[in-house]
Amino acid sequence: MGGSPVVNFLLTWFAPLPRMAIVLLLACGGAHAQTCTVSLPTIAFGNVDVLPNTEVDLTATVTVTCSGGTGKAIACISMGTGSASDATSRQMTSGSNTARYDLYTNANRTKLLGSWQTGYDGSNGIQLSVPKNGSNTATIYAKFFASQKAVLPGTYTATFTANPFMQYGLKGTADCPTGTSTASTSTSVTATVISNCNVSATAVNFGSKGLLTSNTDAQGTLSIQCSSSLPYTVSLDGGTSGATNPTQRKMAFSGANVTYGLYQDAARSLPWGNSVGTNTTSGTGTGSTQTQTVYGRVPVQTTPQPGSYSDSVIVTVGY
């Protein structure tokens, strides 16, 4: 039985796939905020000898570093009075003792470094332009005042808490203080006032004498300057002959000698030598010059040949 061919059709229906929306959101972000820091190392005068009565000068460097922002920054740097001051100057302290110093913005040290923040001499802070993502520095001029020879020896310190203080912002046309951002650091000022003594002497000149048949007296002066409240002793050695008895020193001329003595008192009863606590003198420094008189005597003795007799005595101030 013949049949008709059969054709089978496979009908496939493709349903549309669900669509996924892909969205890219571009956020419109602003520039990275500007951040600045300020630093200042310890201002250290080191060892200070106040006896010469002269000022001591040094410099320090304040550094401002900025990052971010869209351009240069203007930094307005303030320095307050520190931990101690009066109407005259800033001060460092050592216990209850004080030493005067100050900070300036110019090398002549005539323009005081002040503070816009506190109003302390407020017109004299530091205005500094800082490049974007960069640094800039300024010099601070420090002075330990002269005329402080009565300051006691010791370690003196002044502290600056959250100072230098800085107000800053993007550089515009406004002068300091300007900007809405702030930063600060802390620092200190230090000095060590050392113990010291100075001494000078005038000659003991016995003048001219024909015969040594009577005592010949003369005197000289020692000028001693020691630090305030510093105890000291004054010794006189035995001269070029090395005399161990202070009354038996020798002036010499062409191989001949004249015996003489040095004394602490006008009566010439207290010999002045170099045995501390036995035949030396003592005192306490004030910072100013103090004087002590050296009393000399050439006693009766055989007169040697004519000539100009002399000796050299070393004066030692111990402290």
Protein backbone atom coordinates (compact mmCIF):
# COMPACT_ATOMS: atom_id res chain seq x y z
CA MET A 1 0.00 0.00 0.00
CA GLY A 2 1.57 3.12 -1.13
CA GLY A 3 1.55 5.93 1.14
CA SER A 4 2.38 9.59 1.01
CA PRO A 5 5.63 10.67 2.47
CA VAL A 6 5.35 12.36 5.89
CA VAL A 7 7.43 15.38 6.76
CA ASN A 8 7.75 16.21 10.40
CA PHE A 9 8.58 19.81 11.33
CA LEU A 10 10.34 20.68 14.54
CA LEU A 11 9.11 24.05 15.54
CA THR A 12 11.27 25.80 18.13
CA TRP A 13 10.24 29.04 19.76
CA PHE A 14 12.91 31.18 21.33
CA ALA A 15 11.51 33.30 24.05
CA PRO A 16 13.28 36.66 24.48
CA LEU A 17 15.81 36.66 27.29
CA PRO A 18 15.29 39.13 30.14
CA ARG A 19 17.41 42.23 29.73
CA MET A 20 19.78 43.52 32.45
CA ALA A 21 20.24 47.21 32.67
CA ILE A 22 23.90 48.19 33.10
CA VAL A 23 24.30 51.63 34.59
CA LEU A 24 27.60 53.52 35.08
CA LEU A 25 27.26 56.33 37.57
CA LEU A 26 29.93 58.95 37.18
CA ALA A 27 30.23 60.79 40.46
CA CYS A 28 31.24 64.39 40.18
CA GLY A 29 33.86 64.54 42.98
CA GLY A 30 35.65 67.75 44.20
CA ALA A 31 39.40 68.20 44.57
CA HIS A 32 41.19 66.52 47.49
CA ALA A 33 41.07 68.76 50.58
CA GLN A 34 44.18 70.76 51.42
CA THR A 35 46.06 69.65 54.56
CA CYS A 36 49.04 71.48 56.07
CA THR A 37 51.33 70.80 59.03
CA VAL A 38 53.77 73.04 60.91
CA SER A 39 56.96 72.03 62.74
CA LEU A 40 59.58 73.84 64.83
CA PRO A 41 62.46 72.09 66.65
CA THR A 42 63.62 73.02 70.14
CA ILE A 43 65.31 76.41 70.20
CA ALA A 44 68.44 75.58 72.21
CA PHE A 45 70.86 78.34 73.26
CA GLY A 46 73.20 75.69 74.70
CA ASN A 47 75.71 76.78 77.35
CA VAL A 48 75.44 80.46 78.17
CA ASP A 49 78.04 82.41 80.15
CA VAL A 50 76.24 85.48 81.49
CA LEU A 51 79.36 87.10 83.03
CA PRO A 52 80.45 88.94 79.84
CA ASN A 53 77.04 90.68 79.95
CA THR A 54 76.51 90.22 76.19
CA GLU A 55 73.52 88.84 74.29
CA VAL A 56 73.52 85.39 72.72
CA ASP A 57 71.87 85.05 69.30
CA LEU A 58 70.74 82.02 67.31
CA THR A 59 68.21 81.08 64.66
CA ALA A 60 65.63 78.32 64.22
CA THR A 61 63.59 77.19 61.23
CA VAL A 62 59.81 76.76 61.15
CA THR A 63 58.59 74.49 58.34
CA VAL A 64 55.12 74.27 56.76
CA THR A 65 54.24 71.31 54.53
CA CYS A 66 50.99 71.11 52.54
CA SER A 67 49.31 68.42 50.44
CA GLY A 68 46.15 68.37 48.34
CA GLY A 69 44.12 71.38 47.43
CA THR A 70 44.04 73.18 44.11
CA GLY A 71 46.88 75.62 44.54
CA LYS A 72 49.21 77.45 46.84
CA ALA A 73 48.41 77.85 50.51
CA ILE A 74 48.80 80.88 52.71
CA ALA A 75 50.01 79.94 56.19
CA CYS A 76 49.61 82.38 59.09
CA ILE A 77 51.92 81.32 61.93
CA SER A 78 51.52 82.57 65.50
CA MET A 79 53.74 82.27 68.58
CA GLY A 80 52.32 83.14 71.96
CA THR A 81 54.22 84.16 75.06
CA GLY A 82 55.21 80.64 76.07
CA SER A 83 55.11 79.34 79.62
CA ALA A 84 56.52 82.53 81.23
CA SER A 85 56.71 86.23 80.36
CA ASP A 86 56.14 89.72 81.64
CA ALA A 87 55.75 93.15 80.08
CA THR A 88 59.45 93.17 79.21
CA SER A 89 60.09 89.86 77.46
CA ARG A 90 59.48 86.15 77.29
CA GLN A 91 61.22 84.20 80.05
CA MET A 92 62.74 80.79 80.72
CA THR A 93 62.60 79.36 84.22
CA SER A 94 64.75 77.13 86.40
CA GLY A 95 62.75 76.53 89.54
CA SER A 96 61.94 80.00 90.84
CA ASN A 97 64.77 81.62 88.84
CA THR A 98 64.23 83.33 85.51
CA ALA A 99 66.25 84.28 82.44
CA ARG A 100 65.07 86.64 79.71
CA TYR A 101 64.92 85.92 75.99
CA ASP A 102 62.68 86.68 73.03
CA LEU A 103 61.82 85.63 69.47
CA TYR A 104 61.83 87.86 66.40
CA THR A 105 60.96 87.81 62.70
CA ASN A 106 63.95 89.85 61.49
CA ALA A 107 67.70 89.43 61.73
CA ASN A 108 68.14 92.76 63.56
CA ARG A 109 65.86 91.39 66.27
CA THR A 110 63.68 94.46 66.38
CA LYS A 111 60.36 92.96 65.25
CA LEU A 112 58.88 90.67 67.87
CA LEU A 113 57.33 87.37 66.77
CA GLY A 114 53.77 87.56 68.05
CA SER A 115 50.43 85.79 67.82
CA TRP A 116 47.32 86.52 65.77
CA GLN A 117 45.67 83.76 67.80
CA THR A 118 46.12 85.28 71.27
CA GLY A 119 46.71 88.92 70.39
CA TYR A 120 50.25 88.90 71.80
CA ASP A 121 51.89 91.57 69.66
CA GLY A 122 49.37 90.40 67.08
CA SER A 123 50.70 92.26 64.05
CA ASN A 124 53.93 90.29 63.98
CA GLY A 125 53.17 86.68 63.16
CA ILE A 126 54.74 84.95 60.16
CA GLN A 127 52.99 84.92 56.77
CA LEU A 128 54.22 82.13 54.51
CA SER A 129 53.26 81.08 50.97
CA VAL A 130 53.43 77.30 50.45
CA PRO A 131 53.33 75.62 47.01
CA LYS A 132 50.75 72.93 46.28
CA ASN A 133 52.01 69.58 47.60
CA GLY A 134 55.17 71.27 48.82
CA SER A 135 56.94 72.96 51.73
CA ASN A 136 58.32 76.32 52.69
CA THR A 137 60.35 77.59 55.64
CA ALA A 138 60.84 80.77 57.62
CA THR A 139 63.62 81.80 60.00
CA ILE A 140 62.94 82.65 63.62
CA TYR A 141 65.57 84.85 65.27
CA ALA A 142 66.13 84.20 68.99
CA LYS A 143 68.00 86.36 71.50
CA PHE A 144 69.12 85.59 75.05
CA PHE A 145 69.27 89.06 76.53
CA ALA A 146 72.43 90.81 77.66
CA SER A 147 72.73 92.42 81.12
CA GLN A 148 71.80 89.23 82.96
CA LYS A 149 75.04 88.56 84.84
CA ALA A 150 73.11 88.01 88.09
CA VAL A 151 71.17 85.03 86.65
CA LEU A 152 71.96 81.92 88.67
CA PRO A 153 73.57 78.89 87.01
CA GLY A 154 71.11 76.17 86.02
CA THR A 155 69.05 74.65 83.21
CA TYR A 156 66.36 77.05 82.00
CA THR A 157 63.31 76.08 79.92
CA ALA A 158 60.25 77.67 78.36
CA THR A 159 57.50 75.54 76.84
CA PHE A 160 55.13 76.34 73.99
CA THR A 161 52.05 74.12 74.08
CA ALA A 162 50.19 73.96 70.73
CA ASN A 163 52.50 76.71 69.50
CA PRO A 164 53.44 77.55 66.84
CA PHE A 165 49.74 77.76 65.93
CA MET A 166 48.87 78.02 62.23
CA GLN A 167 45.75 79.23 60.43
CA TYR A 168 45.78 78.50 56.72
CA GLY A 169 43.82 78.19 53.48
CA LEU A 170 44.13 78.53 49.72
CA LYS A 171 46.19 81.56 48.85
CA GLY A 172 44.10 84.51 47.83
CA THR A 173 44.41 88.23 48.15
CA ALA A 174 43.73 88.46 51.89
CA ASP A 175 46.63 89.02 54.25
CA CYS A 176 47.06 87.03 57.46
CA PRO A 177 45.29 85.97 59.51
CA THR A 178 43.17 84.21 56.91
CA GLY A 179 41.97 80.72 56.04
CA THR A 180 39.62 78.39 57.89
CA SER A 181 41.91 75.44 58.61
CA THR A 182 44.27 75.20 61.58
CA ALA A 183 47.25 73.16 62.70
CA SER A 184 49.75 73.37 65.53
CA THR A 185 52.71 71.71 67.18
CA SER A 186 54.56 72.15 70.47
CA THR A 187 58.15 73.17 71.09
CA SER A 188 60.45 74.60 73.78
CA VAL A 189 63.31 77.03 74.35
CA THR A 190 66.26 75.98 76.51
CA ALA A 191 69.51 77.40 77.87
CA THR A 192 72.09 76.20 80.36
CA VAL A 193 73.61 79.05 82.36
CA ILE A 194 77.05 77.81 83.33
CA SER A 195 79.10 78.43 86.47
CA ASN A 196 82.17 80.51 85.76
CA CYS A 197 84.70 82.91 87.28
CA ASN A 198 87.06 85.56 85.88
CA VAL A 199 90.01 87.15 87.68
CA SER A 200 92.49 89.94 87.00
CA ALA A 201 95.17 91.59 89.17
CA THR A 202 97.17 94.77 89.59
CA ALA A 203 100.85 94.64 90.50
CA VAL A 204 102.19 94.84 94.04
CA ASN A 205 104.83 97.52 93.47
CA PHE A 206 107.22 98.11 96.36
CA GLY A 207 108.78 101.07 94.60
CA SER A 208 112.42 102.09 95.10
CA LYS A 209 114.42 101.41 98.26
CA GLY A 210 118.03 102.17 99.14
CA LEU A 211 118.62 99.86 102.11
CA LEU A 212 116.30 97.14 103.42
CA THR A 213 116.67 98.20 107.04
CA SER A 214 112.93 98.58 107.68
CA ASN A 215 109.78 96.95 106.48
CA THR A 216 108.64 98.06 103.03
CA ASP A 217 104.90 97.65 102.42
CA ALA A 218 102.75 97.79 99.28
CA GLN A 219 99.46 96.39 98.07
CA GLY A 220 97.69 95.23 94.94
CA THR A 221 94.10 94.39 93.98
CA LEU A 222 92.41 91.25 92.68
CA SER A 223 89.22 91.71 90.64
CA ILE A 224 87.07 88.57 90.83
CA GLN A 225 83.84 87.98 88.96
CA CYS A 226 81.96 84.75 89.65
CA SER A 227 78.47 83.49 88.82
CA SER A 228 75.73 84.52 91.18
CA SER A 229 75.62 82.48 94.42
CA LEU A 230 78.74 80.53 93.40
CA PRO A 231 81.19 79.91 96.30
CA TYR A 232 84.86 80.36 95.39
CA THR A 233 88.34 80.35 96.91
CA VAL A 234 91.37 82.44 95.93
CA SER A 235 94.88 80.97 96.07
CA LEU A 236 98.29 82.56 95.46
CA ASP A 237 101.14 80.23 94.56
CA GLY A 238 104.73 80.44 95.78
CA GLY A 239 105.99 82.50 92.85
CA THR A 240 108.82 81.52 90.51
CA SER A 241 110.92 80.27 93.43
CA GLY A 242 108.15 77.81 94.44
CA ALA A 243 108.09 79.00 98.05
CA THR A 244 105.97 76.81 100.32
CA ASN A 245 105.92 79.50 103.02
CA PRO A 246 103.85 82.48 101.72
CA THR A 247 106.10 84.90 103.64
CA GLN A 248 109.29 83.62 101.98
CA ARG A 249 108.67 84.29 98.29
CA LYS A 250 111.62 85.66 96.31
CA MET A 251 112.00 88.53 93.86
CA ALA A 252 115.02 87.97 91.67
CA PHE A 253 117.58 90.01 89.72
CA SER A 254 120.78 88.73 88.12
CA GLY A 255 121.13 85.81 90.51
CA ALA A 256 120.32 87.84 93.64
CA ASN A 257 117.06 87.75 95.63
CA VAL A 258 114.84 89.89 97.82
CA THR A 259 112.52 88.00 100.20
CA TYR A 260 108.93 89.20 100.49
CA GLY A 261 105.53 87.96 101.67
CA LEU A 262 101.88 88.35 100.60
CA TYR A 263 99.09 88.64 103.14
CA GLN A 264 95.31 88.73 103.46
CA ASP A 265 95.16 91.60 105.96
CA ALA A 266 96.60 95.07 106.40
CA ALA A 267 98.39 94.00 109.59
CA ARG A 268 100.31 91.41 107.54
CA SER A 269 99.45 88.71 110.09
CA LEU A 270 97.57 86.28 107.77
CA PRO A 271 99.86 84.91 105.04
CA TRP A 272 98.18 84.27 101.69
CA GLY A 273 99.11 80.98 100.04
CA ASN A 274 97.50 78.11 98.17
CA SER A 275 96.54 75.62 100.88
CA VAL A 276 92.74 75.73 100.56
CA GLY A 277 91.05 76.16 103.92
CA THR A 278 94.33 77.10 105.61
CA ASN A 279 95.77 80.23 104.02
CA THR A 280 93.41 81.07 101.14
CA THR A 281 90.50 83.51 100.97
CA SER A 282 86.91 82.79 99.96
CA GLY A 283 83.78 84.52 98.71
CA THR A 284 80.43 84.04 97.01
CA GLY A 285 79.80 85.33 93.52
CA THR A 286 77.18 87.93 92.65
CA GLY A 287 77.76 88.11 88.91
CA SER A 288 79.42 91.48 89.40
CA THR A 289 83.11 92.16 89.99
CA GLN A 290 84.29 91.86 93.59
CA THR A 291 87.69 93.03 94.81
CA GLN A 292 90.17 91.63 97.31
CA THR A 293 93.31 93.44 98.44
CA VAL A 294 96.69 91.70 98.45
CA TYR A 295 99.00 93.13 101.12
CA GLY A 296 102.74 92.79 100.46
CA ARG A 297 105.75 93.26 102.72
CA VAL A 298 109.49 93.20 102.16
CA PRO A 299 110.91 92.56 105.66
CA VAL A 300 114.22 93.72 107.04
CA GLN A 301 117.05 91.75 105.40
CA THR A 302 120.53 92.09 104.02
CA THR A 303 120.40 94.45 101.07
CA PRO A 304 121.50 92.72 97.83
CA GLN A 305 123.06 94.40 94.80
CA PRO A 306 121.12 97.25 93.22
CA GLY A 307 118.70 96.30 90.46
CA SER A 308 115.07 95.86 89.46
CA TYR A 309 113.78 92.84 91.35
CA SER A 310 110.56 91.05 90.33
CA ASP A 311 108.52 87.90 90.76
CA SER A 312 105.40 86.41 89.17
CA VAL A 313 102.62 84.88 91.28
CA ILE A 314 99.79 82.81 89.85
CA VAL A 315 96.31 83.69 91.15
CA THR A 316 93.86 80.79 91.07
CA VAL A 317 90.11 81.10 91.65
CA GLY A 318 88.60 77.73 92.52
CA TYR A 319 84.84 77.11 92.32
